[in-house]
Amino acid sequence: MIEEIVKSFEDTKQFINDHINYPVKPGIYAFYLSEAANLSVFGIGRQLIYIGIAKHSLNDRDFKQHFNSKKTGSSTLRRSIGAILKEELKLKAIPRGGVNDTKRFLNYKFINEQELTDWMISNLQIGYWLPIRFLSYEELRLIESELTKVLKPTLDLDKRTRKYNLLADKLDLLRQFCRIEASQQK
């Protein structure tokens, strides 16, 4: 099954703006760096960097959250890429949400979100896999875990699989710098 899913990722992989009929069904997606992209130790061209689940709609999860400049706080992928490219893109972390939002520093966002979005549009490709029958969220999570164990995406921080990512601690440290910066904003 893993080979079938990876083949689907590869067969459907395109830049986000090149996807015409992106599915509005549940599934699993994978982000790859484009040929010319470089995330330093976290990845070079054509490398798979992130796997995720869309429990309702791939279109909503990928287009409306990961590539939405106003949604960094709800996208682990955006927060991670932003933390890695913070200096290069001159990103400044700020709290997300209101004063009473308990995750406002943990799920930081950036002042200049559009810079991050533009980089992602130019440097990331996304592929997906659709199950042939309905799968529960738990079943999708099990498949995602197996994929992560085998493919070892460098931006994986999921507590279930992070032990397979040798760069998880380094990525956590970069994200911690962003949380600290966000917490110092008034």
N, C-alpha and C. Protein backbone atom coordinates (compact mmCIF):
# COMPACT_ATOMS: atom_id res chain seq x y z
N MET A 1 0.81 -1.20 0.00
CA MET A 1 0.00 0.00 0.00
C MET A 1 0.86 1.27 0.00
N ILE A 2 1.97 1.25 0.74
CA ILE A 2 2.86 2.41 0.80
C ILE A 2 3.33 2.78 -0.60
N GLU A 3 3.75 1.79 -1.36
CA GLU A 3 4.24 2.05 -2.73
C GLU A 3 3.16 2.69 -3.59
N GLU A 4 1.92 2.22 -3.44
CA GLU A 4 0.80 2.77 -4.20
C GLU A 4 0.56 4.24 -3.84
N ILE A 5 0.66 4.54 -2.55
CA ILE A 5 0.44 5.92 -2.10
C ILE A 5 1.55 6.83 -2.60
N VAL A 6 2.79 6.38 -2.48
CA VAL A 6 3.92 7.19 -2.96
C VAL A 6 3.80 7.42 -4.46
N LYS A 7 3.39 6.41 -5.20
CA LYS A 7 3.18 6.58 -6.65
C LYS A 7 2.11 7.64 -6.91
N SER A 8 1.05 7.62 -6.14
CA SER A 8 0.00 8.63 -6.29
C SER A 8 0.54 10.02 -5.97
N PHE A 9 1.34 10.14 -4.91
CA PHE A 9 1.97 11.43 -4.60
C PHE A 9 2.76 11.93 -5.81
N GLU A 10 3.58 11.04 -6.35
CA GLU A 10 4.43 11.41 -7.49
C GLU A 10 3.60 11.76 -8.73
N ASP A 11 2.57 10.96 -9.00
CA ASP A 11 1.74 11.18 -10.19
C ASP A 11 0.92 12.46 -10.13
N THR A 12 0.56 12.88 -8.93
CA THR A 12 -0.29 14.08 -8.78
C THR A 12 0.50 15.32 -8.38
N LYS A 13 1.78 15.17 -8.17
CA LYS A 13 2.63 16.27 -7.67
C LYS A 13 2.72 17.40 -8.69
N GLN A 14 2.37 18.61 -8.25
CA GLN A 14 2.45 19.82 -9.08
C GLN A 14 2.61 21.03 -8.16
N PHE A 15 2.98 22.14 -8.76
CA PHE A 15 2.92 23.40 -8.02
C PHE A 15 1.46 23.68 -7.71
N ILE A 16 1.22 24.34 -6.60
CA ILE A 16 -0.16 24.55 -6.14
C ILE A 16 -1.03 25.26 -7.19
N ASN A 17 -0.48 26.23 -7.89
CA ASN A 17 -1.27 26.96 -8.88
C ASN A 17 -1.53 26.15 -10.15
N ASP A 18 -0.85 25.03 -10.31
CA ASP A 18 -1.06 24.18 -11.49
C ASP A 18 -2.15 23.12 -11.27
N HIS A 19 -2.55 22.92 -10.03
CA HIS A 19 -3.64 21.98 -9.74
C HIS A 19 -4.95 22.62 -10.17
N ILE A 20 -5.68 21.96 -11.06
CA ILE A 20 -6.94 22.51 -11.56
C ILE A 20 -8.14 21.96 -10.80
N ASN A 21 -8.23 20.66 -10.68
CA ASN A 21 -9.35 20.02 -9.99
C ASN A 21 -8.86 19.33 -8.73
N TYR A 22 -8.40 20.12 -7.79
CA TYR A 22 -7.87 19.55 -6.55
C TYR A 22 -9.03 18.96 -5.75
N PRO A 23 -8.88 17.74 -5.24
CA PRO A 23 -10.00 17.02 -4.63
C PRO A 23 -10.61 17.71 -3.40
N VAL A 24 -11.92 17.57 -3.30
CA VAL A 24 -12.65 18.04 -2.12
C VAL A 24 -13.08 16.82 -1.30
N LYS A 25 -12.20 15.84 -1.26
CA LYS A 25 -12.43 14.60 -0.53
C LYS A 25 -11.32 14.41 0.50
N PRO A 26 -11.56 13.55 1.49
CA PRO A 26 -10.50 13.23 2.45
C PRO A 26 -9.35 12.49 1.77
N GLY A 27 -8.16 12.64 2.32
CA GLY A 27 -7.01 11.94 1.77
C GLY A 27 -5.74 12.29 2.50
N ILE A 28 -4.64 11.90 1.92
CA ILE A 28 -3.32 12.19 2.48
C ILE A 28 -2.53 12.95 1.42
N TYR A 29 -1.81 13.97 1.85
CA TYR A 29 -1.06 14.81 0.92
C TYR A 29 0.41 14.83 1.32
N ALA A 30 1.24 15.18 0.35
CA ALA A 30 2.69 15.25 0.58
C ALA A 30 3.24 16.50 -0.10
N PHE A 31 4.07 17.23 0.63
CA PHE A 31 4.74 18.40 0.08
C PHE A 31 6.18 18.03 -0.26
N TYR A 32 6.58 18.47 -1.45
CA TYR A 32 7.94 18.27 -1.95
C TYR A 32 8.54 19.63 -2.26
N LEU A 33 9.85 19.73 -2.13
CA LEU A 33 10.53 20.93 -2.61
C LEU A 33 10.65 20.84 -4.12
N SER A 34 10.50 21.97 -4.79
CA SER A 34 10.70 22.00 -6.24
C SER A 34 12.18 21.76 -6.54
N GLU A 35 12.49 21.56 -7.78
CA GLU A 35 13.86 21.21 -8.17
C GLU A 35 14.88 22.24 -7.68
N ALA A 36 14.56 23.52 -7.77
CA ALA A 36 15.52 24.57 -7.41
C ALA A 36 15.44 24.99 -5.94
N ALA A 37 14.49 24.48 -5.20
CA ALA A 37 14.28 24.92 -3.81
C ALA A 37 15.35 24.37 -2.88
N ASN A 38 15.58 25.12 -1.79
CA ASN A 38 16.58 24.71 -0.82
C ASN A 38 16.13 25.17 0.57
N LEU A 39 16.02 24.22 1.48
CA LEU A 39 15.72 24.53 2.88
C LEU A 39 16.90 24.14 3.78
N SER A 40 18.10 24.34 3.27
CA SER A 40 19.31 24.02 4.01
C SER A 40 19.30 22.55 4.42
N VAL A 41 19.57 22.24 5.67
CA VAL A 41 19.64 20.84 6.11
C VAL A 41 18.28 20.16 6.07
N PHE A 42 17.20 20.93 5.97
CA PHE A 42 15.86 20.36 5.99
C PHE A 42 15.39 19.87 4.62
N GLY A 43 16.15 20.15 3.58
CA GLY A 43 15.78 19.60 2.30
C GLY A 43 16.31 20.37 1.11
N ILE A 44 16.53 19.62 0.04
CA ILE A 44 16.95 20.20 -1.24
C ILE A 44 15.96 19.76 -2.31
N GLY A 45 16.14 20.25 -3.50
CA GLY A 45 15.22 20.01 -4.60
C GLY A 45 14.70 18.59 -4.72
N ARG A 46 13.40 18.51 -4.95
CA ARG A 46 12.65 17.26 -5.17
C ARG A 46 12.46 16.40 -3.93
N GLN A 47 12.89 16.87 -2.79
CA GLN A 47 12.79 16.08 -1.56
C GLN A 47 11.41 16.22 -0.94
N LEU A 48 10.86 15.12 -0.46
CA LEU A 48 9.61 15.14 0.29
C LEU A 48 9.90 15.70 1.68
N ILE A 49 9.14 16.71 2.09
CA ILE A 49 9.43 17.35 3.38
C ILE A 49 8.28 17.25 4.38
N TYR A 50 7.07 16.92 3.92
CA TYR A 50 5.93 16.95 4.85
C TYR A 50 4.81 16.06 4.33
N ILE A 51 4.18 15.34 5.24
CA ILE A 51 3.01 14.52 4.93
C ILE A 51 1.91 14.92 5.89
N GLY A 52 0.69 15.02 5.39
CA GLY A 52 -0.43 15.39 6.25
C GLY A 52 -1.72 14.73 5.83
N ILE A 53 -2.72 14.89 6.67
CA ILE A 53 -4.05 14.32 6.44
C ILE A 53 -5.06 15.44 6.27
N ALA A 54 -5.96 15.23 5.34
CA ALA A 54 -7.14 16.09 5.21
C ALA A 54 -8.33 15.20 5.54
N LYS A 55 -8.91 15.38 6.72
CA LYS A 55 -9.97 14.45 7.10
C LYS A 55 -11.30 14.77 6.44
N HIS A 56 -11.45 15.98 5.90
CA HIS A 56 -12.69 16.34 5.20
C HIS A 56 -12.45 16.64 3.73
N SER A 57 -11.48 17.52 3.45
CA SER A 57 -11.27 17.98 2.08
C SER A 57 -9.81 18.36 1.87
N LEU A 58 -9.16 17.71 0.92
CA LEU A 58 -7.79 18.09 0.57
C LEU A 58 -7.75 19.54 0.13
N ASN A 59 -8.73 19.96 -0.64
CA ASN A 59 -8.78 21.33 -1.13
C ASN A 59 -8.80 22.33 0.02
N ASP A 60 -9.68 22.10 0.98
CA ASP A 60 -9.77 23.03 2.12
C ASP A 60 -8.48 23.04 2.92
N ARG A 61 -7.93 21.88 3.21
CA ARG A 61 -6.73 21.80 4.05
C ARG A 61 -5.53 22.45 3.36
N ASP A 62 -5.32 22.12 2.10
CA ASP A 62 -4.11 22.57 1.43
C ASP A 62 -4.23 23.98 0.87
N PHE A 63 -5.30 24.27 0.19
CA PHE A 63 -5.44 25.59 -0.43
C PHE A 63 -5.84 26.66 0.58
N LYS A 64 -6.76 26.32 1.47
CA LYS A 64 -7.32 27.33 2.36
C LYS A 64 -6.58 27.47 3.68
N GLN A 65 -5.68 26.55 3.99
CA GLN A 65 -4.91 26.69 5.22
C GLN A 65 -3.42 26.82 4.95
N HIS A 66 -2.82 25.81 4.32
CA HIS A 66 -1.37 25.86 4.12
C HIS A 66 -0.94 27.04 3.24
N PHE A 67 -1.72 27.38 2.25
CA PHE A 67 -1.33 28.45 1.33
C PHE A 67 -2.08 29.75 1.58
N ASN A 68 -2.72 29.87 2.72
CA ASN A 68 -3.45 31.09 3.06
C ASN A 68 -2.57 31.95 3.96
N SER A 69 -2.30 33.16 3.52
CA SER A 69 -1.40 34.05 4.26
C SER A 69 -1.92 34.40 5.64
N LYS A 70 -3.17 34.18 5.89
CA LYS A 70 -3.73 34.51 7.20
C LYS A 70 -3.82 33.29 8.11
N LYS A 71 -3.27 32.17 7.70
CA LYS A 71 -3.48 30.92 8.44
C LYS A 71 -2.21 30.28 8.98
N THR A 72 -1.13 31.01 9.16
CA THR A 72 0.09 30.38 9.68
C THR A 72 -0.17 29.71 11.01
N GLY A 73 -0.96 30.33 11.86
CA GLY A 73 -1.22 29.76 13.18
C GLY A 73 -1.87 28.39 13.15
N SER A 74 -2.56 28.06 12.06
CA SER A 74 -3.22 26.75 11.98
C SER A 74 -2.51 25.80 11.02
N SER A 75 -1.30 26.12 10.64
CA SER A 75 -0.55 25.26 9.72
C SER A 75 0.85 25.01 10.26
N THR A 76 1.07 23.78 10.71
CA THR A 76 2.40 23.38 11.18
C THR A 76 3.43 23.58 10.07
N LEU A 77 3.04 23.25 8.86
CA LEU A 77 3.94 23.40 7.72
C LEU A 77 4.39 24.85 7.56
N ARG A 78 3.45 25.79 7.59
CA ARG A 78 3.80 27.22 7.44
C ARG A 78 4.70 27.69 8.58
N ARG A 79 4.36 27.30 9.82
CA ARG A 79 5.19 27.73 10.95
C ARG A 79 6.61 27.18 10.82
N SER A 80 6.73 25.93 10.38
CA SER A 80 8.06 25.32 10.24
C SER A 80 8.87 25.97 9.13
N ILE A 81 8.27 26.12 7.96
CA ILE A 81 9.00 26.76 6.85
C ILE A 81 9.36 28.19 7.22
N GLY A 82 8.42 28.89 7.84
CA GLY A 82 8.70 30.27 8.27
C GLY A 82 9.87 30.34 9.25
N ALA A 83 9.92 29.39 10.18
CA ALA A 83 11.01 29.37 11.16
C ALA A 83 12.35 29.10 10.46
N ILE A 84 12.35 28.21 9.48
CA ILE A 84 13.58 27.88 8.75
C ILE A 84 14.04 29.07 7.91
N LEU A 85 13.10 29.76 7.29
CA LEU A 85 13.43 30.86 6.37
C LEU A 85 13.32 32.24 7.02
N LYS A 86 13.22 32.27 8.33
CA LYS A 86 12.98 33.52 9.06
C LYS A 86 13.96 34.63 8.66
N GLU A 87 15.22 34.33 8.67
CA GLU A 87 16.22 35.35 8.32
C GLU A 87 16.20 35.67 6.84
N GLU A 88 16.18 34.63 6.01
CA GLU A 88 16.21 34.84 4.56
C GLU A 88 15.04 35.69 4.07
N LEU A 89 13.85 35.44 4.61
CA LEU A 89 12.66 36.19 4.18
C LEU A 89 12.36 37.39 5.07
N LYS A 90 13.22 37.60 6.08
CA LYS A 90 13.05 38.70 7.03
C LYS A 90 11.67 38.65 7.69
N LEU A 91 11.32 37.46 8.19
CA LEU A 91 10.03 37.25 8.84
C LEU A 91 10.12 37.62 10.31
N LYS A 92 9.07 38.21 10.82
CA LYS A 92 9.01 38.56 12.24
C LYS A 92 7.80 37.86 12.85
N ALA A 93 8.06 37.05 13.87
CA ALA A 93 6.98 36.30 14.53
C ALA A 93 6.21 37.20 15.48
N ILE A 94 4.89 37.05 15.44
CA ILE A 94 4.00 37.80 16.33
C ILE A 94 2.95 36.84 16.88
N PRO A 95 2.31 37.21 17.99
CA PRO A 95 1.28 36.32 18.54
C PRO A 95 0.11 36.18 17.59
N ARG A 96 -0.50 35.03 17.63
CA ARG A 96 -1.71 34.78 16.85
C ARG A 96 -2.90 34.92 17.78
N GLY A 97 -4.00 35.42 17.27
CA GLY A 97 -5.23 35.48 18.04
C GLY A 97 -5.25 36.61 19.05
N GLY A 98 -6.28 36.60 19.85
CA GLY A 98 -6.49 37.66 20.83
C GLY A 98 -5.75 37.42 22.13
N VAL A 99 -5.91 38.34 23.05
CA VAL A 99 -5.22 38.30 24.33
C VAL A 99 -5.59 37.04 25.12
N ASN A 100 -6.80 36.56 24.97
CA ASN A 100 -7.25 35.39 25.73
C ASN A 100 -6.97 34.06 25.04
N ASP A 101 -6.34 34.09 23.90
CA ASP A 101 -6.02 32.86 23.16
C ASP A 101 -4.80 32.21 23.82
N THR A 102 -5.01 31.04 24.43
CA THR A 102 -3.92 30.39 25.17
C THR A 102 -2.78 29.91 24.27
N LYS A 103 -3.04 29.76 22.99
CA LYS A 103 -2.01 29.29 22.06
C LYS A 103 -1.44 30.43 21.21
N ARG A 104 -1.66 31.66 21.62
CA ARG A 104 -1.28 32.79 20.77
C ARG A 104 0.22 32.87 20.50
N PHE A 105 1.05 32.39 21.42
CA PHE A 105 2.50 32.41 21.19
C PHE A 105 2.97 31.08 20.60
N LEU A 106 2.35 30.00 21.04
CA LEU A 106 2.70 28.67 20.54
C LEU A 106 2.42 28.57 19.04
N ASN A 107 1.27 29.05 18.62
CA ASN A 107 0.88 29.03 17.21
C ASN A 107 1.04 30.43 16.61
N TYR A 108 2.24 30.93 16.70
CA TYR A 108 2.57 32.26 16.20
C TYR A 108 2.25 32.41 14.72
N LYS A 109 2.27 33.64 14.27
CA LYS A 109 2.17 33.94 12.84
C LYS A 109 3.26 34.96 12.53
N PHE A 110 3.32 35.41 11.30
CA PHE A 110 4.36 36.37 10.91
C PHE A 110 3.72 37.66 10.42
N ILE A 111 4.39 38.77 10.68
CA ILE A 111 3.89 40.06 10.20
C ILE A 111 3.79 40.05 8.68
N ASN A 112 4.82 39.57 8.03
CA ASN A 112 4.87 39.58 6.57
C ASN A 112 4.55 38.19 6.00
N GLU A 113 3.34 37.73 6.26
CA GLU A 113 2.88 36.41 5.82
C GLU A 113 2.98 36.22 4.30
N GLN A 114 2.74 37.29 3.55
CA GLN A 114 2.71 37.14 2.10
C GLN A 114 4.07 36.71 1.55
N GLU A 115 5.16 37.14 2.17
CA GLU A 115 6.50 36.70 1.76
C GLU A 115 6.61 35.18 1.86
N LEU A 116 6.10 34.64 2.96
CA LEU A 116 6.13 33.19 3.16
C LEU A 116 5.25 32.49 2.13
N THR A 117 4.06 33.00 1.91
CA THR A 117 3.15 32.41 0.92
C THR A 117 3.79 32.42 -0.47
N ASP A 118 4.39 33.53 -0.85
CA ASP A 118 5.03 33.63 -2.17
C ASP A 118 6.14 32.59 -2.31
N TRP A 119 6.95 32.42 -1.25
CA TRP A 119 8.02 31.43 -1.30
C TRP A 119 7.42 30.03 -1.48
N MET A 120 6.38 29.74 -0.73
CA MET A 120 5.76 28.41 -0.80
C MET A 120 5.19 28.14 -2.19
N ILE A 121 4.52 29.13 -2.76
CA ILE A 121 3.93 28.96 -4.10
C ILE A 121 5.02 28.69 -5.13
N SER A 122 6.15 29.36 -5.00
CA SER A 122 7.24 29.22 -5.97
C SER A 122 8.11 27.99 -5.75
N ASN A 123 8.13 27.45 -4.54
CA ASN A 123 9.11 26.42 -4.21
C ASN A 123 8.57 25.07 -3.74
N LEU A 124 7.26 24.97 -3.58
CA LEU A 124 6.68 23.71 -3.13
C LEU A 124 5.79 23.09 -4.18
N GLN A 125 5.82 21.78 -4.22
CA GLN A 125 4.89 21.02 -5.04
C GLN A 125 4.12 20.10 -4.10
N ILE A 126 2.88 19.84 -4.46
CA ILE A 126 2.05 19.01 -3.60
C ILE A 126 1.41 17.88 -4.41
N GLY A 127 1.46 16.70 -3.83
CA GLY A 127 0.80 15.54 -4.41
C GLY A 127 -0.14 14.95 -3.37
N TYR A 128 -1.02 14.08 -3.81
CA TYR A 128 -2.01 13.54 -2.88
C TYR A 128 -2.37 12.10 -3.22
N TRP A 129 -3.03 11.47 -2.27
CA TRP A 129 -3.57 10.13 -2.43
C TRP A 129 -4.99 10.13 -1.91
N LEU A 130 -5.90 9.58 -2.70
CA LEU A 130 -7.30 9.43 -2.30
C LEU A 130 -7.58 7.95 -2.05
N PRO A 131 -8.13 7.60 -0.90
CA PRO A 131 -8.48 6.20 -0.67
C PRO A 131 -9.61 5.77 -1.60
N ILE A 132 -9.61 4.50 -1.99
CA ILE A 132 -10.66 4.02 -2.91
C ILE A 132 -11.98 3.76 -2.18
N ARG A 133 -11.92 3.64 -0.86
CA ARG A 133 -13.14 3.52 -0.05
C ARG A 133 -13.02 4.48 1.13
N PHE A 134 -14.12 4.74 1.78
CA PHE A 134 -14.08 5.64 2.93
C PHE A 134 -13.18 5.08 4.01
N LEU A 135 -12.31 5.93 4.54
CA LEU A 135 -11.47 5.57 5.68
C LEU A 135 -11.74 6.56 6.81
N SER A 136 -11.82 6.05 8.01
CA SER A 136 -12.01 6.92 9.17
C SER A 136 -10.75 7.76 9.38
N TYR A 137 -10.89 8.80 10.17
CA TYR A 137 -9.75 9.64 10.50
C TYR A 137 -8.65 8.79 11.16
N GLU A 138 -9.04 7.87 12.04
CA GLU A 138 -8.06 7.01 12.71
C GLU A 138 -7.31 6.14 11.71
N GLU A 139 -8.02 5.62 10.71
CA GLU A 139 -7.37 4.81 9.69
C GLU A 139 -6.39 5.65 8.86
N LEU A 140 -6.80 6.88 8.52
CA LEU A 140 -5.90 7.78 7.79
C LEU A 140 -4.66 8.09 8.62
N ARG A 141 -4.83 8.29 9.92
CA ARG A 141 -3.69 8.58 10.80
C ARG A 141 -2.72 7.39 10.86
N LEU A 142 -3.25 6.18 10.88
CA LEU A 142 -2.37 5.00 10.88
C LEU A 142 -1.55 4.93 9.59
N ILE A 143 -2.21 5.19 8.48
CA ILE A 143 -1.50 5.18 7.19
C ILE A 143 -0.45 6.29 7.16
N GLU A 144 -0.83 7.48 7.64
CA GLU A 144 0.11 8.60 7.69
C GLU A 144 1.33 8.23 8.53
N SER A 145 1.11 7.59 9.66
CA SER A 145 2.23 7.18 10.53
C SER A 145 3.16 6.20 9.81
N GLU A 146 2.59 5.25 9.10
CA GLU A 146 3.40 4.28 8.36
C GLU A 146 4.21 4.98 7.26
N LEU A 147 3.56 5.89 6.55
CA LEU A 147 4.26 6.66 5.52
C LEU A 147 5.42 7.45 6.12
N THR A 148 5.17 8.07 7.26
CA THR A 148 6.20 8.89 7.91
C THR A 148 7.38 8.03 8.36
N LYS A 149 7.10 6.85 8.87
CA LYS A 149 8.18 5.95 9.29
C LYS A 149 9.07 5.57 8.11
N VAL A 150 8.46 5.35 6.97
CA VAL A 150 9.20 4.90 5.78
C VAL A 150 9.87 6.07 5.06
N LEU A 151 9.13 7.17 4.87
CA LEU A 151 9.62 8.28 4.04
C LEU A 151 10.40 9.34 4.81
N LYS A 152 10.21 9.42 6.11
CA LYS A 152 10.95 10.33 7.00
C LYS A 152 10.97 11.79 6.52
N PRO A 153 9.80 12.40 6.38
CA PRO A 153 9.78 13.81 5.97
C PRO A 153 10.47 14.69 7.02
N THR A 154 11.28 15.60 6.58
CA THR A 154 12.14 16.38 7.49
C THR A 154 11.39 17.42 8.31
N LEU A 155 10.17 17.76 7.94
CA LEU A 155 9.42 18.74 8.72
C LEU A 155 8.37 18.08 9.62
N ASP A 156 8.46 16.78 9.80
CA ASP A 156 7.52 16.06 10.66
C ASP A 156 7.83 16.32 12.13
N LEU A 157 6.83 16.81 12.87
CA LEU A 157 6.99 17.02 14.30
C LEU A 157 5.89 16.31 15.10
N ASP A 158 5.12 15.48 14.45
CA ASP A 158 4.02 14.78 15.10
C ASP A 158 4.57 13.92 16.24
N LYS A 159 3.96 14.01 17.40
CA LYS A 159 4.47 13.27 18.56
C LYS A 159 4.49 11.76 18.35
N ARG A 160 3.63 11.25 17.45
CA ARG A 160 3.59 9.82 17.17
C ARG A 160 4.79 9.35 16.37
N THR A 161 5.36 10.23 15.55
CA THR A 161 6.39 9.80 14.59
C THR A 161 7.68 10.62 14.63
N ARG A 162 7.75 11.63 15.47
CA ARG A 162 8.92 12.51 15.45
C ARG A 162 10.23 11.78 15.72
N LYS A 163 10.16 10.65 16.39
CA LYS A 163 11.40 9.89 16.67
C LYS A 163 12.08 9.41 15.39
N TYR A 164 11.36 9.40 14.28
CA TYR A 164 11.93 8.99 13.00
C TYR A 164 12.56 10.17 12.25
N ASN A 165 12.39 11.37 12.78
CA ASN A 165 12.93 12.57 12.14
C ASN A 165 14.17 13.04 12.90
N LEU A 166 15.32 12.81 12.33
CA LEU A 166 16.57 13.19 12.99
C LEU A 166 16.74 14.69 13.13
N LEU A 167 15.93 15.46 12.39
CA LEU A 167 16.03 16.92 12.44
C LEU A 167 14.95 17.56 13.30
N ALA A 168 14.14 16.76 13.99
CA ALA A 168 13.02 17.29 14.76
C ALA A 168 13.47 18.28 15.84
N ASP A 169 14.51 17.95 16.58
CA ASP A 169 14.98 18.85 17.64
C ASP A 169 15.49 20.16 17.07
N LYS A 170 16.20 20.09 15.96
CA LYS A 170 16.72 21.32 15.32
C LYS A 170 15.55 22.19 14.85
N LEU A 171 14.54 21.57 14.26
CA LEU A 171 13.37 22.32 13.80
C LEU A 171 12.61 22.90 14.99
N ASP A 172 12.47 22.13 16.06
CA ASP A 172 11.82 22.63 17.27
C ASP A 172 12.53 23.87 17.82
N LEU A 173 13.85 23.86 17.77
CA LEU A 173 14.63 25.00 18.26
C LEU A 173 14.34 26.25 17.44
N LEU A 174 14.31 26.12 16.12
CA LEU A 174 14.00 27.27 15.26
C LEU A 174 12.59 27.79 15.54
N ARG A 175 11.65 26.88 15.74
CA ARG A 175 10.28 27.29 16.06
C ARG A 175 10.22 27.94 17.45
N GLN A 176 11.05 27.46 18.37
CA GLN A 176 11.10 28.06 19.71
C GLN A 176 11.56 29.52 19.63
N PHE A 177 12.54 29.81 18.78
CA PHE A 177 12.97 31.19 18.58
C PHE A 177 11.80 32.06 18.15
N CYS A 178 10.96 31.53 17.28
CA CYS A 178 9.78 32.28 16.82
C CYS A 178 8.78 32.48 17.95
N ARG A 179 8.57 31.46 18.78
CA ARG A 179 7.64 31.59 19.91
C ARG A 179 8.14 32.64 20.89
N ILE A 180 9.44 32.65 21.13
CA ILE A 180 10.02 33.65 22.04
C ILE A 180 9.83 35.04 21.46
N GLU A 181 10.14 35.20 20.17
CA GLU A 181 9.96 36.50 19.53
C GLU A 181 8.50 36.95 19.62
N ALA A 182 7.57 36.04 19.36
CA ALA A 182 6.15 36.38 19.42
C ALA A 182 5.74 36.78 20.84
N SER A 183 6.30 36.11 21.83
CA SER A 183 5.93 36.40 23.22
C SER A 183 6.46 37.76 23.69
N GLN A 184 7.45 38.30 22.99
CA GLN A 184 8.01 39.60 23.36
C GLN A 184 7.28 40.77 22.70
N GLN A 185 6.30 40.46 21.86
CA GLN A 185 5.53 41.50 21.19
C GLN A 185 4.41 41.96 22.12
N LYS A 186 4.14 43.20 22.12
CA LYS A 186 3.06 43.76 22.96
C LYS A 186 1.76 43.74 22.22
